[in-house]
Amino acid sequence: MRQILAAMTFAFGLAGLAAPSLAATHYPLTVSNCGHQVTFQKAPARIVSIGQGMTEILFSLGLADKIAGTAVWVGPVLPQYAEANSKIKRLADNDPSFESVVGQEPDLVAAEFEWHVGAQGSVGKREQFKDLGINTYLAPADCVAKVNTDGGDGVRGELFTMDLIYREIAELSEIFDVKDRGDALISALKKREADAVASISGASGKNLPVVFWFSSKEVSGDAFIAGKNSAPAYILKTIGAKNVVTTEEEWPLVGWETIAQANPAVIVLATMDRRRYAADDPKVKVDFLENDPVTKELDAVKNKHFVMMDAQSMNPTIRTIDGIETLANGIKSFGLAQ
């Protein structure tokens, strides 16, 4: 992992030293974003970033000095950005208030999830920010072929792919007039994705039934399990394994009796620092699985086929590629690969 991070840091360092891109952004720039037309008269100077995944992309584009505040974090920042992140105001670990966001006097609010900034935004509606002269930008991964009107994690009608993350990077790099950095970042991530896929050739999951457990409101209650078109579903398709859930909801609440019927061979457990829900702690997850009368009979539990995965790798982020590597290594270590 250190080699991967060093390579990425080196690649981004080279991008910073490269000659300015000839394809500079021409303002005013209008971007079509999640059903809204957003016009930028110039590159934003102050950003509030809502969502760890969004913030890490901004860091990766070398825009840390423009971030006035962040919110909604589930775990540690990528190590190479720890110093930069320590200097940025954390408005809230979870949902910030509308007033706290506006109080930073941003000219752009960039959100990872529409349920934070959208029609039913828990932080605020896009119109509320617009009325104050503040532009908003939402991650395409949370709105392209996805509906978020139920107030939950939404329903995704098509399988997520990393192309949506690459689109986000390209759009943000154009908005901030750092296209050379965006191109370098996309190239580096595509190479990592290709290398990850190549690394598991001959080590297919053989249609192994796998379940991704993010968390649960109550430990013994229904669990937030990855839906069939989510980022984890993309990881599974890449590896050749099979999702035990067939619903289009992003993170449906599923009962363990239903999961038991599918009898997963591997259970992927989200790890995070967040302690918003009862089952956020991975140790709590394992304790439940090994002691509940239903779950302790699952093949994955009997064989201790647990894969610990950073929660951000289960979201549509630049870390989804880490998820491919993590699950592939887990399947290999269990002796379940071809």
C-alpha atoms as a PDB file:
ATOM      1  CA  MET A   1       0.000   0.000   0.000  1.00  0.00           C
ATOM      2  CA  ARG A   2       2.907   2.344   0.786  1.00  0.00           C
ATOM      3  CA  GLN A   3       4.239   1.774  -2.743  1.00  0.00           C
ATOM      4  CA  ILE A   4       0.860   2.632  -4.258  1.00  0.00           C
ATOM      5  CA  LEU A   5       0.550   5.843  -2.220  1.00  0.00           C
ATOM      6  CA  ALA A   6       4.132   6.803  -3.032  1.00  0.00           C
ATOM      7  CA  ALA A   7       3.492   6.263  -6.727  1.00  0.00           C
ATOM      8  CA  MET A   8       0.329   8.356  -6.628  1.00  0.00           C
ATOM      9  CA  THR A   9       2.067  11.132  -4.679  1.00  0.00           C
ATOM     10  CA  PHE A  10       4.931  11.092  -7.185  1.00  0.00           C
ATOM     11  CA  ALA A  11       2.524  11.233 -10.119  1.00  0.00           C
ATOM     12  CA  PHE A  12       0.644  14.181  -8.643  1.00  0.00           C
ATOM     13  CA  GLY A  13       3.950  15.899  -7.841  1.00  0.00           C
ATOM     14  CA  LEU A  14       4.964  15.613 -11.468  1.00  0.00           C
ATOM     15  CA  ALA A  15       1.602  17.040 -12.501  1.00  0.00           C
ATOM     16  CA  GLY A  16       2.213  20.050 -10.279  1.00  0.00           C
ATOM     17  CA  LEU A  17       5.601  20.639 -11.923  1.00  0.00           C
ATOM     18  CA  ALA A  18       4.317  20.223 -15.460  1.00  0.00           C
ATOM     19  CA  ALA A  19       3.834  23.157 -17.787  1.00  0.00           C
ATOM     20  CA  PRO A  20       0.362  24.723 -17.597  1.00  0.00           C
ATOM     21  CA  SER A  21      -2.229  22.986 -19.763  1.00  0.00           C
ATOM     22  CA  LEU A  22      -2.945  24.689 -23.048  1.00  0.00           C
ATOM     23  CA  ALA A  23      -6.621  23.776 -22.579  1.00  0.00           C
ATOM     24  CA  ALA A  24      -7.313  26.465 -19.984  1.00  0.00           C
ATOM     25  CA  THR A  25     -10.858  26.966 -18.726  1.00  0.00           C
ATOM     26  CA  HIS A  26     -12.767  29.803 -20.370  1.00  0.00           C
ATOM     27  CA  TYR A  27     -15.177  31.632 -18.083  1.00  0.00           C
ATOM     28  CA  PRO A  28     -18.045  32.022 -17.717  1.00  0.00           C
ATOM     29  CA  LEU A  29     -18.288  28.244 -17.558  1.00  0.00           C
ATOM     30  CA  THR A  30     -21.664  26.486 -17.325  1.00  0.00           C
ATOM     31  CA  VAL A  31     -21.759  22.923 -16.054  1.00  0.00           C
ATOM     32  CA  SER A  32     -24.790  20.637 -16.254  1.00  0.00           C
ATOM     33  CA  ASN A  33     -24.875  19.006 -12.827  1.00  0.00           C
ATOM     34  CA  CYS A  34     -27.565  16.676 -11.500  1.00  0.00           C
ATOM     35  CA  GLY A  35     -30.403  18.455 -13.305  1.00  0.00           C
ATOM     36  CA  HIS A  36     -29.110  21.980 -12.648  1.00  0.00           C
ATOM     37  CA  GLN A  37     -27.170  24.409 -14.813  1.00  0.00           C
ATOM     38  CA  VAL A  38     -24.394  25.938 -12.703  1.00  0.00           C
ATOM     39  CA  THR A  39     -22.456  28.929 -14.059  1.00  0.00           C
ATOM     40  CA  PHE A  40     -19.033  29.935 -12.783  1.00  0.00           C
ATOM     41  CA  GLN A  41     -17.752  33.417 -13.580  1.00  0.00           C
ATOM     42  CA  LYS A  42     -14.311  32.422 -12.310  1.00  0.00           C
ATOM     43  CA  ALA A  43     -12.624  29.615 -10.392  1.00  0.00           C
ATOM     44  CA  PRO A  44     -14.148  29.318  -6.886  1.00  0.00           C
ATOM     45  CA  ALA A  45     -11.954  30.745  -4.134  1.00  0.00           C
ATOM     46  CA  ARG A  46     -13.655  29.282  -1.032  1.00  0.00           C
ATOM     47  CA  ILE A  47     -15.202  25.810  -0.893  1.00  0.00           C
ATOM     48  CA  VAL A  48     -17.169  23.952   1.733  1.00  0.00           C
ATOM     49  CA  SER A  49     -16.894  20.248   0.969  1.00  0.00           C
ATOM     50  CA  ILE A  50     -19.590  17.968   2.373  1.00  0.00           C
ATOM     51  CA  GLY A  51     -18.490  14.352   2.216  1.00  0.00           C
ATOM     52  CA  GLN A  52     -15.102  12.734   2.778  1.00  0.00           C
ATOM     53  CA  GLY A  53     -14.953  11.330  -0.751  1.00  0.00           C
ATOM     54  CA  MET A  54     -15.529  14.765  -2.264  1.00  0.00           C
ATOM     55  CA  THR A  55     -12.906  16.317   0.006  1.00  0.00           C
ATOM     56  CA  GLU A  56     -10.291  13.718  -0.912  1.00  0.00           C
ATOM     57  CA  ILE A  57     -10.817  14.389  -4.613  1.00  0.00           C
ATOM     58  CA  LEU A  58     -10.287  18.108  -3.982  1.00  0.00           C
ATOM     59  CA  PHE A  59      -7.104  17.268  -2.064  1.00  0.00           C
ATOM     60  CA  SER A  60      -5.974  15.083  -4.968  1.00  0.00           C
ATOM     61  CA  LEU A  61      -6.432  18.032  -7.324  1.00  0.00           C
ATOM     62  CA  GLY A  62      -4.218  20.221  -5.152  1.00  0.00           C
ATOM     63  CA  LEU A  63      -7.079  22.427  -3.949  1.00  0.00           C
ATOM     64  CA  ALA A  64      -6.635  22.116  -0.187  1.00  0.00           C
ATOM     65  CA  ASP A  65      -5.867  25.831   0.144  1.00  0.00           C
ATOM     66  CA  LYS A  66      -9.327  26.659  -1.206  1.00  0.00           C
ATOM     67  CA  ILE A  67     -11.276  24.494   1.268  1.00  0.00           C
ATOM     68  CA  ALA A  68     -12.810  26.678   4.005  1.00  0.00           C
ATOM     69  CA  GLY A  69     -14.532  23.795   5.792  1.00  0.00           C
ATOM     70  CA  THR A  70     -15.482  20.128   5.519  1.00  0.00           C
ATOM     71  CA  ALA A  71     -18.043  17.758   7.014  1.00  0.00           C
ATOM     72  CA  VAL A  72     -19.357  14.166   6.879  1.00  0.00           C
ATOM     73  CA  TRP A  73     -16.347  11.961   7.613  1.00  0.00           C
ATOM     74  CA  VAL A  74     -16.338   8.233   8.362  1.00  0.00           C
ATOM     75  CA  GLY A  75     -12.615   7.558   8.818  1.00  0.00           C
ATOM     76  CA  PRO A  76      -9.062   8.903   8.547  1.00  0.00           C
ATOM     77  CA  VAL A  77      -8.084  10.964   5.519  1.00  0.00           C
ATOM     78  CA  LEU A  78      -5.744   9.419   2.953  1.00  0.00           C
ATOM     79  CA  PRO A  79      -2.309   9.507   4.632  1.00  0.00           C
ATOM     80  CA  GLN A  80      -0.672  11.795   2.086  1.00  0.00           C
ATOM     81  CA  TYR A  81      -3.219  14.527   2.880  1.00  0.00           C
ATOM     82  CA  ALA A  82      -3.142  14.284   6.671  1.00  0.00           C
ATOM     83  CA  GLU A  83      -1.174  17.496   7.145  1.00  0.00           C
ATOM     84  CA  ALA A  84      -3.348  19.512   4.760  1.00  0.00           C
ATOM     85  CA  ASN A  85      -6.519  18.125   6.340  1.00  0.00           C
ATOM     86  CA  SER A  86      -5.374  19.058   9.850  1.00  0.00           C
ATOM     87  CA  LYS A  87      -5.436  22.736   8.874  1.00  0.00           C
ATOM     88  CA  ILE A  88      -9.016  22.713   7.562  1.00  0.00           C
ATOM     89  CA  LYS A  89     -11.993  23.471   9.772  1.00  0.00           C
ATOM     90  CA  ARG A  90     -14.192  20.431  10.465  1.00  0.00           C
ATOM     91  CA  LEU A  91     -17.751  21.772  10.605  1.00  0.00           C
ATOM     92  CA  ALA A  92     -19.167  18.429  11.729  1.00  0.00           C
ATOM     93  CA  ASP A  93     -18.259  14.764  11.556  1.00  0.00           C
ATOM     94  CA  ASN A  94     -21.784  14.093  10.342  1.00  0.00           C
ATOM     95  CA  ASP A  95     -24.326  16.536   8.847  1.00  0.00           C
ATOM     96  CA  PRO A  96     -23.384  20.199   9.316  1.00  0.00           C
ATOM     97  CA  SER A  97     -26.043  22.856   9.771  1.00  0.00           C
ATOM     98  CA  PHE A  98     -26.957  25.197   6.925  1.00  0.00           C
ATOM     99  CA  GLU A  99     -25.812  28.120   9.056  1.00  0.00           C
ATOM    100  CA  SER A 100     -22.382  26.606   9.727  1.00  0.00           C
ATOM    101  CA  VAL A 101     -21.822  26.067   5.992  1.00  0.00           C
ATOM    102  CA  VAL A 102     -22.948  29.555   4.988  1.00  0.00           C
ATOM    103  CA  GLY A 103     -20.919  31.004   7.844  1.00  0.00           C
ATOM    104  CA  GLN A 104     -17.714  30.024   6.034  1.00  0.00           C
ATOM    105  CA  GLU A 105     -18.681  32.444   3.225  1.00  0.00           C
ATOM    106  CA  PRO A 106     -18.083  29.921   0.434  1.00  0.00           C
ATOM    107  CA  ASP A 107     -18.640  30.613  -3.236  1.00  0.00           C
ATOM    108  CA  LEU A 108     -19.036  26.873  -3.818  1.00  0.00           C
ATOM    109  CA  VAL A 109     -20.570  24.065  -1.764  1.00  0.00           C
ATOM    110  CA  ALA A 110     -19.487  20.680  -3.139  1.00  0.00           C
ATOM    111  CA  ALA A 111     -21.393  17.642  -1.838  1.00  0.00           C
ATOM    112  CA  GLU A 112     -20.813  13.928  -2.222  1.00  0.00           C
ATOM    113  CA  PHE A 113     -24.444  12.981  -1.591  1.00  0.00           C
ATOM    114  CA  GLU A 114     -27.647  14.589  -2.841  1.00  0.00           C
ATOM    115  CA  TRP A 115     -29.442  13.888   0.436  1.00  0.00           C
ATOM    116  CA  HIS A 116     -27.141  16.471   2.018  1.00  0.00           C
ATOM    117  CA  VAL A 117     -27.593  19.165  -0.641  1.00  0.00           C
ATOM    118  CA  GLY A 118     -30.598  18.533  -2.861  1.00  0.00           C
ATOM    119  CA  ALA A 119     -34.369  18.659  -3.143  1.00  0.00           C
ATOM    120  CA  GLN A 120     -34.705  17.223   0.367  1.00  0.00           C
ATOM    121  CA  GLY A 121     -31.238  18.183   1.557  1.00  0.00           C
ATOM    122  CA  SER A 122     -30.540  17.584   5.233  1.00  0.00           C
ATOM    123  CA  VAL A 123     -28.033  20.450   5.086  1.00  0.00           C
ATOM    124  CA  GLY A 124     -29.869  22.664   2.608  1.00  0.00           C
ATOM    125  CA  LYS A 125     -31.554  22.828  -0.774  1.00  0.00           C
ATOM    126  CA  ARG A 126     -29.600  23.960  -3.798  1.00  0.00           C
ATOM    127  CA  GLU A 127     -32.048  26.863  -4.208  1.00  0.00           C
ATOM    128  CA  GLN A 128     -31.277  28.083  -0.681  1.00  0.00           C
ATOM    129  CA  PHE A 129     -27.598  28.366  -1.513  1.00  0.00           C
ATOM    130  CA  LYS A 130     -28.308  29.899  -4.913  1.00  0.00           C
ATOM    131  CA  ASP A 131     -30.433  32.617  -3.300  1.00  0.00           C
ATOM    132  CA  LEU A 132     -27.332  33.617  -1.347  1.00  0.00           C
ATOM    133  CA  GLY A 133     -25.148  33.653  -4.447  1.00  0.00           C
ATOM    134  CA  ILE A 134     -23.447  30.361  -3.567  1.00  0.00           C
ATOM    135  CA  ASN A 135     -22.943  27.777  -6.307  1.00  0.00           C
ATOM    136  CA  THR A 136     -23.427  24.082  -5.582  1.00  0.00           C
ATOM    137  CA  TYR A 137     -21.914  20.985  -7.165  1.00  0.00           C
ATOM    138  CA  LEU A 138     -22.969  17.379  -6.532  1.00  0.00           C
ATOM    139  CA  ALA A 139     -20.978  14.258  -7.320  1.00  0.00           C
ATOM    140  CA  PRO A 140     -22.335  12.761 -10.579  1.00  0.00           C
ATOM    141  CA  ALA A 141     -22.047   9.305  -9.019  1.00  0.00           C
ATOM    142  CA  ASP A 142     -24.949  10.191  -6.731  1.00  0.00           C
ATOM    143  CA  CYS A 143     -27.362  11.370  -9.397  1.00  0.00           C
ATOM    144  CA  VAL A 144     -26.595   9.748 -12.779  1.00  0.00           C
ATOM    145  CA  ALA A 145     -29.101   6.900 -13.187  1.00  0.00           C
ATOM    146  CA  LYS A 146     -29.914   7.299  -9.494  1.00  0.00           C
ATOM    147  CA  VAL A 147     -32.993   8.614  -7.682  1.00  0.00           C
ATOM    148  CA  ASN A 148     -32.730  10.037  -4.171  1.00  0.00           C
ATOM    149  CA  THR A 149     -36.300  11.150  -3.501  1.00  0.00           C
ATOM    150  CA  ASP A 150     -36.957   8.692  -0.663  1.00  0.00           C
ATOM    151  CA  GLY A 151     -34.697  10.559   1.735  1.00  0.00           C
ATOM    152  CA  GLY A 152     -32.452   7.503   2.213  1.00  0.00           C
ATOM    153  CA  ASP A 153     -29.453   6.282   0.278  1.00  0.00           C
ATOM    154  CA  GLY A 154     -31.381   6.266  -2.986  1.00  0.00           C
ATOM    155  CA  VAL A 155     -32.156   3.824  -5.777  1.00  0.00           C
ATOM    156  CA  ARG A 156     -29.561   3.198  -8.496  1.00  0.00           C
ATOM    157  CA  GLY A 157     -30.974   2.031 -11.840  1.00  0.00           C
ATOM    158  CA  GLU A 158     -27.629   1.226 -13.483  1.00  0.00           C
ATOM    159  CA  LEU A 159     -24.435  -0.347 -12.194  1.00  0.00           C
ATOM    160  CA  PHE A 160     -21.998   2.218 -10.802  1.00  0.00           C
ATOM    161  CA  THR A 161     -18.672   2.393 -12.632  1.00  0.00           C
ATOM    162  CA  MET A 162     -15.497   4.355 -11.984  1.00  0.00           C
ATOM    163  CA  ASP A 163     -16.304   6.416 -15.098  1.00  0.00           C
ATOM    164  CA  LEU A 164     -18.576   8.510 -12.856  1.00  0.00           C
ATOM    165  CA  ILE A 165     -15.641   9.310 -10.572  1.00  0.00           C
ATOM    166  CA  TYR A 166     -13.488  10.193 -13.571  1.00  0.00           C
ATOM    167  CA  ARG A 167     -16.273  12.487 -14.784  1.00  0.00           C
ATOM    168  CA  GLU A 168     -16.365  14.220 -11.393  1.00  0.00           C
ATOM    169  CA  ILE A 169     -12.606  14.764 -11.462  1.00  0.00           C
ATOM    170  CA  ALA A 170     -12.751  16.131 -15.013  1.00  0.00           C
ATOM    171  CA  GLU A 171     -15.584  18.541 -14.180  1.00  0.00           C
ATOM    172  CA  LEU A 172     -13.988  19.810 -10.982  1.00  0.00           C
ATOM    173  CA  SER A 173     -10.629  20.293 -12.690  1.00  0.00           C
ATOM    174  CA  GLU A 174     -12.361  22.352 -15.380  1.00  0.00           C
ATOM    175  CA  ILE A 175     -14.293  24.422 -12.817  1.00  0.00           C
ATOM    176  CA  PHE A 176     -11.043  25.232 -10.990  1.00  0.00           C
ATOM    177  CA  ASP A 177      -8.943  25.632 -14.146  1.00  0.00           C
ATOM    178  CA  VAL A 178      -6.542  22.825 -13.207  1.00  0.00           C
ATOM    179  CA  LYS A 179      -7.167  20.508 -16.128  1.00  0.00           C
ATOM    180  CA  ASP A 180      -3.562  19.294 -16.188  1.00  0.00           C
ATOM    181  CA  ARG A 181      -3.937  18.048 -12.612  1.00  0.00           C
ATOM    182  CA  GLY A 182      -7.271  16.411 -13.416  1.00  0.00           C
ATOM    183  CA  ASP A 183      -5.844  14.606 -16.444  1.00  0.00           C
ATOM    184  CA  ALA A 184      -2.888  13.355 -14.378  1.00  0.00           C
ATOM    185  CA  LEU A 185      -5.159  12.134 -11.570  1.00  0.00           C
ATOM    186  CA  ILE A 186      -7.513  10.315 -13.943  1.00  0.00           C
ATOM    187  CA  SER A 187      -4.573   8.656 -15.717  1.00  0.00           C
ATOM    188  CA  ALA A 188      -3.064   7.525 -12.399  1.00  0.00           C
ATOM    189  CA  LEU A 189      -6.384   6.099 -11.170  1.00  0.00           C
ATOM    190  CA  LYS A 190      -7.112   4.319 -14.450  1.00  0.00           C
ATOM    191  CA  LYS A 191      -3.704   2.676 -14.302  1.00  0.00           C
ATOM    192  CA  ARG A 192      -4.348   1.567 -10.725  1.00  0.00           C
ATOM    193  CA  GLU A 193      -7.730   0.168 -11.756  1.00  0.00           C
ATOM    194  CA  ALA A 194      -6.190  -1.706 -14.695  1.00  0.00           C
ATOM    195  CA  ASP A 195      -3.398  -3.034 -12.458  1.00  0.00           C
ATOM    196  CA  ALA A 196      -5.933  -4.152  -9.850  1.00  0.00           C
ATOM    197  CA  VAL A 197      -7.940  -6.047 -12.472  1.00  0.00           C
ATOM    198  CA  ALA A 198      -4.765  -7.611 -13.892  1.00  0.00           C
ATOM    199  CA  SER A 199      -3.649  -8.662 -10.419  1.00  0.00           C
ATOM    200  CA  ILE A 200      -6.720 -10.856  -9.981  1.00  0.00           C
ATOM    201  CA  SER A 201      -6.649 -12.522 -13.397  1.00  0.00           C
ATOM    202  CA  GLY A 202      -6.800 -16.235 -12.714  1.00  0.00           C
ATOM    203  CA  ALA A 203      -8.111 -15.515  -9.250  1.00  0.00           C
ATOM    204  CA  SER A 204     -11.784 -15.055 -10.023  1.00  0.00           C
ATOM    205  CA  GLY A 205     -14.347 -15.170  -7.287  1.00  0.00           C
ATOM    206  CA  LYS A 206     -16.070 -18.009  -9.218  1.00  0.00           C
ATOM    207  CA  ASN A 207     -19.515 -16.501  -8.583  1.00  0.00           C
ATOM    208  CA  LEU A 208     -18.922 -16.728  -4.858  1.00  0.00           C
ATOM    209  CA  PRO A 209     -21.890 -15.314  -2.926  1.00  0.00           C
ATOM    210  CA  VAL A 210     -20.650 -12.228  -1.091  1.00  0.00           C
ATOM    211  CA  VAL A 211     -22.401  -9.717   1.146  1.00  0.00           C
ATOM    212  CA  PHE A 212     -21.205  -6.196   2.001  1.00  0.00           C
ATOM    213  CA  TRP A 213     -22.322  -5.037   5.455  1.00  0.00           C
ATOM    214  CA  PHE A 214     -21.889  -1.289   6.001  1.00  0.00           C
ATOM    215  CA  SER A 215     -23.685  -0.867   9.329  1.00  0.00           C
ATOM    216  CA  SER A 216     -26.998  -1.251  11.180  1.00  0.00           C
ATOM    217  CA  LYS A 217     -29.123   1.111  13.235  1.00  0.00           C
ATOM    218  CA  GLU A 218     -29.521  -1.676  15.799  1.00  0.00           C
ATOM    219  CA  VAL A 219     -26.893  -4.406  15.987  1.00  0.00           C
ATOM    220  CA  SER A 220     -29.382  -7.262  15.910  1.00  0.00           C
ATOM    221  CA  GLY A 221     -31.750  -5.505  13.531  1.00  0.00           C
ATOM    222  CA  ASP A 222     -31.841  -5.254   9.751  1.00  0.00           C
ATOM    223  CA  ALA A 223     -28.491  -4.427   8.180  1.00  0.00           C
ATOM    224  CA  PHE A 224     -27.467  -1.885   5.549  1.00  0.00           C
ATOM    225  CA  ILE A 225     -26.340  -4.243   2.771  1.00  0.00           C
ATOM    226  CA  ALA A 226     -24.945  -3.171  -0.622  1.00  0.00           C
ATOM    227  CA  GLY A 227     -27.515  -3.219  -3.438  1.00  0.00           C
ATOM    228  CA  LYS A 228     -27.021  -4.741  -6.868  1.00  0.00           C
ATOM    229  CA  ASN A 229     -25.862  -1.532  -8.624  1.00  0.00           C
ATOM    230  CA  SER A 230     -23.736   0.001  -5.875  1.00  0.00           C
ATOM    231  CA  ALA A 231     -19.970   0.578  -5.738  1.00  0.00           C
ATOM    232  CA  PRO A 232     -19.528  -2.808  -3.974  1.00  0.00           C
ATOM    233  CA  ALA A 233     -21.509  -4.399  -6.819  1.00  0.00           C
ATOM    234  CA  TYR A 234     -18.952  -2.930  -9.241  1.00  0.00           C
ATOM    235  CA  ILE A 235     -16.177  -4.459  -7.135  1.00  0.00           C
ATOM    236  CA  LEU A 236     -17.936  -7.836  -7.238  1.00  0.00           C
ATOM    237  CA  LYS A 237     -18.464  -7.699 -11.002  1.00  0.00           C
ATOM    238  CA  THR A 238     -14.806  -6.848 -11.519  1.00  0.00           C
ATOM    239  CA  ILE A 239     -13.723  -9.815  -9.422  1.00  0.00           C
ATOM    240  CA  GLY A 240     -16.357 -12.197 -10.750  1.00  0.00           C
ATOM    241  CA  ALA A 241     -18.122 -12.741  -7.425  1.00  0.00           C
ATOM    242  CA  LYS A 242     -21.893 -12.552  -6.854  1.00  0.00           C
ATOM    243  CA  ASN A 243     -23.918 -10.113  -4.781  1.00  0.00           C
ATOM    244  CA  VAL A 244     -26.498 -11.810  -2.572  1.00  0.00           C
ATOM    245  CA  VAL A 245     -28.765  -8.749  -2.816  1.00  0.00           C
ATOM    246  CA  THR A 246     -30.791  -8.048  -5.976  1.00  0.00           C
ATOM    247  CA  THR A 247     -32.586  -4.826  -5.076  1.00  0.00           C
ATOM    248  CA  GLU A 248     -31.770  -1.516  -6.819  1.00  0.00           C
ATOM    249  CA  GLU A 249     -31.719   0.368  -3.514  1.00  0.00           C
ATOM    250  CA  GLU A 250     -28.211   1.649  -2.842  1.00  0.00           C
ATOM    251  CA  TRP A 251     -28.040   0.347   0.755  1.00  0.00           C
ATOM    252  CA  PRO A 252     -31.283  -1.520   1.514  1.00  0.00           C
ATOM    253  CA  LEU A 253     -32.055  -2.653   5.033  1.00  0.00           C
ATOM    254  CA  VAL A 254     -32.033  -6.462   4.877  1.00  0.00           C
ATOM    255  CA  GLY A 255     -32.924  -8.990   7.567  1.00  0.00           C
ATOM    256  CA  TRP A 256     -30.368 -11.619   8.527  1.00  0.00           C
ATOM    257  CA  GLU A 257     -32.872 -14.403   7.907  1.00  0.00           C
ATOM    258  CA  THR A 258     -32.969 -13.301   4.259  1.00  0.00           C
ATOM    259  CA  ILE A 259     -29.171 -13.148   4.092  1.00  0.00           C
ATOM    260  CA  ALA A 260     -28.964 -16.591   5.684  1.00  0.00           C
ATOM    261  CA  GLN A 261     -30.984 -18.055   2.823  1.00  0.00           C
ATOM    262  CA  ALA A 262     -28.262 -16.926   0.404  1.00  0.00           C
ATOM    263  CA  ASN A 263     -25.573 -18.281   2.769  1.00  0.00           C
ATOM    264  CA  PRO A 264     -22.714 -15.996   1.683  1.00  0.00           C
ATOM    265  CA  ALA A 265     -19.232 -17.512   1.441  1.00  0.00           C
ATOM    266  CA  VAL A 266     -17.614 -14.161   2.297  1.00  0.00           C
ATOM    267  CA  ILE A 267     -18.832 -11.224   4.371  1.00  0.00           C
ATOM    268  CA  VAL A 268     -17.192  -7.844   3.767  1.00  0.00           C
ATOM    269  CA  LEU A 269     -17.328  -5.623   6.845  1.00  0.00           C
ATOM    270  CA  ALA A 270     -17.008  -1.841   6.694  1.00  0.00           C
ATOM    271  CA  THR A 271     -14.385  -0.352   8.979  1.00  0.00           C
ATOM    272  CA  MET A 272     -14.715   3.274  10.069  1.00  0.00           C
ATOM    273  CA  ASP A 273     -14.041   5.722  12.863  1.00  0.00           C
ATOM    274  CA  ARG A 274     -17.622   6.974  12.728  1.00  0.00           C
ATOM    275  CA  ARG A 275     -19.882   5.833  15.562  1.00  0.00           C
ATOM    276  CA  ARG A 276     -23.237   7.092  14.331  1.00  0.00           C
ATOM    277  CA  TYR A 277     -24.999   3.720  14.280  1.00  0.00           C
ATOM    278  CA  ALA A 278     -24.820   0.783  16.674  1.00  0.00           C
ATOM    279  CA  ALA A 279     -22.938  -1.471  14.241  1.00  0.00           C
ATOM    280  CA  ASP A 280     -20.398   1.054  12.927  1.00  0.00           C
ATOM    281  CA  ASP A 281     -17.645  -0.657  14.955  1.00  0.00           C
ATOM    282  CA  PRO A 282     -16.345  -3.703  13.009  1.00  0.00           C
ATOM    283  CA  LYS A 283     -15.660  -5.546  16.285  1.00  0.00           C
ATOM    284  CA  VAL A 284     -19.353  -5.217  17.119  1.00  0.00           C
ATOM    285  CA  LYS A 285     -20.203  -6.662  13.703  1.00  0.00           C
ATOM    286  CA  VAL A 286     -17.971  -9.714  14.195  1.00  0.00           C
ATOM    287  CA  ASP A 287     -19.260 -10.323  17.725  1.00  0.00           C
ATOM    288  CA  PHE A 288     -22.847 -10.294  16.476  1.00  0.00           C
ATOM    289  CA  LEU A 289     -22.120 -12.606  13.546  1.00  0.00           C
ATOM    290  CA  GLU A 290     -20.357 -15.159  15.728  1.00  0.00           C
ATOM    291  CA  ASN A 291     -22.981 -15.230  18.480  1.00  0.00           C
ATOM    292  CA  ASP A 292     -26.370 -14.671  16.844  1.00  0.00           C
ATOM    293  CA  PRO A 293     -28.208 -18.013  16.457  1.00  0.00           C
ATOM    294  CA  VAL A 294     -28.959 -17.331  12.778  1.00  0.00           C
ATOM    295  CA  THR A 295     -25.733 -15.746  11.562  1.00  0.00           C
ATOM    296  CA  LYS A 296     -23.335 -18.083  13.383  1.00  0.00           C
ATOM    297  CA  GLU A 297     -24.512 -20.900  11.088  1.00  0.00           C
ATOM    298  CA  LEU A 298     -23.473 -19.063   7.904  1.00  0.00           C
ATOM    299  CA  ASP A 299     -20.578 -20.619   5.988  1.00  0.00           C
ATOM    300  CA  ALA A 300     -18.723 -17.294   5.985  1.00  0.00           C
ATOM    301  CA  VAL A 301     -18.987 -17.073   9.774  1.00  0.00           C
ATOM    302  CA  LYS A 302     -18.068 -20.707  10.467  1.00  0.00           C
ATOM    303  CA  ASN A 303     -14.958 -20.328   8.299  1.00  0.00           C
ATOM    304  CA  LYS A 304     -14.207 -16.785   9.521  1.00  0.00           C
ATOM    305  CA  HIS A 305     -14.247 -15.505   5.974  1.00  0.00           C
ATOM    306  CA  PHE A 306     -14.456 -11.857   6.978  1.00  0.00           C
ATOM    307  CA  VAL A 307     -12.879  -9.160   4.817  1.00  0.00           C
ATOM    308  CA  MET A 308     -12.297  -5.852   6.566  1.00  0.00           C
ATOM    309  CA  MET A 309     -12.719  -2.970   4.114  1.00  0.00           C
ATOM    310  CA  ASP A 310     -12.468   0.772   4.639  1.00  0.00           C
ATOM    311  CA  ALA A 311     -15.968   2.213   4.484  1.00  0.00           C
ATOM    312  CA  GLN A 312     -14.896   4.774   1.881  1.00  0.00           C
ATOM    313  CA  SER A 313     -14.035   1.915  -0.494  1.00  0.00           C
ATOM    314  CA  MET A 314     -17.707   0.911  -0.323  1.00  0.00           C
ATOM    315  CA  ASN A 315     -18.822   4.375  -1.438  1.00  0.00           C
ATOM    316  CA  PRO A 316     -18.430   5.684  -5.002  1.00  0.00           C
ATOM    317  CA  THR A 317     -15.038   7.309  -4.459  1.00  0.00           C
ATOM    318  CA  ILE A 318     -11.427   7.177  -5.625  1.00  0.00           C
ATOM    319  CA  ARG A 319     -11.024   4.473  -2.961  1.00  0.00           C
ATOM    320  CA  THR A 320     -13.331   2.014  -4.742  1.00  0.00           C
ATOM    321  CA  ILE A 321     -10.196   0.761  -6.513  1.00  0.00           C
ATOM    322  CA  ASP A 322      -8.757  -0.076  -3.077  1.00  0.00           C
ATOM    323  CA  GLY A 323     -11.879  -2.156  -2.554  1.00  0.00           C
ATOM    324  CA  ILE A 324     -11.143  -4.285  -5.623  1.00  0.00           C
ATOM    325  CA  GLU A 325      -7.653  -4.998  -4.296  1.00  0.00           C
ATOM    326  CA  THR A 326      -8.859  -5.682  -0.748  1.00  0.00           C
ATOM    327  CA  LEU A 327     -11.577  -8.181  -1.700  1.00  0.00           C
ATOM    328  CA  ALA A 328      -9.370  -9.936  -4.267  1.00  0.00           C
ATOM    329  CA  ASN A 329      -6.657 -10.413  -1.645  1.00  0.00           C
ATOM    330  CA  GLY A 330      -9.234 -11.691   0.825  1.00  0.00           C
ATOM    331  CA  ILE A 331     -10.621 -14.268  -1.596  1.00  0.00           C
ATOM    332  CA  LYS A 332      -7.080 -15.433  -2.369  1.00  0.00           C
ATOM    333  CA  SER A 333      -6.182 -15.720   1.321  1.00  0.00           C
ATOM    334  CA  PHE A 334      -9.259 -17.878   1.987  1.00  0.00           C
ATOM    335  CA  GLY A 335      -8.258 -20.276  -0.799  1.00  0.00           C
ATOM    336  CA  LEU A 336     -11.494 -19.559  -2.651  1.00  0.00           C
ATOM    337  CA  ALA A 337      -9.972 -18.257  -5.892  1.00  0.00           C
ATOM    338  CA  GLN A 338      -9.586 -20.346  -9.010  1.00  0.00           C
END
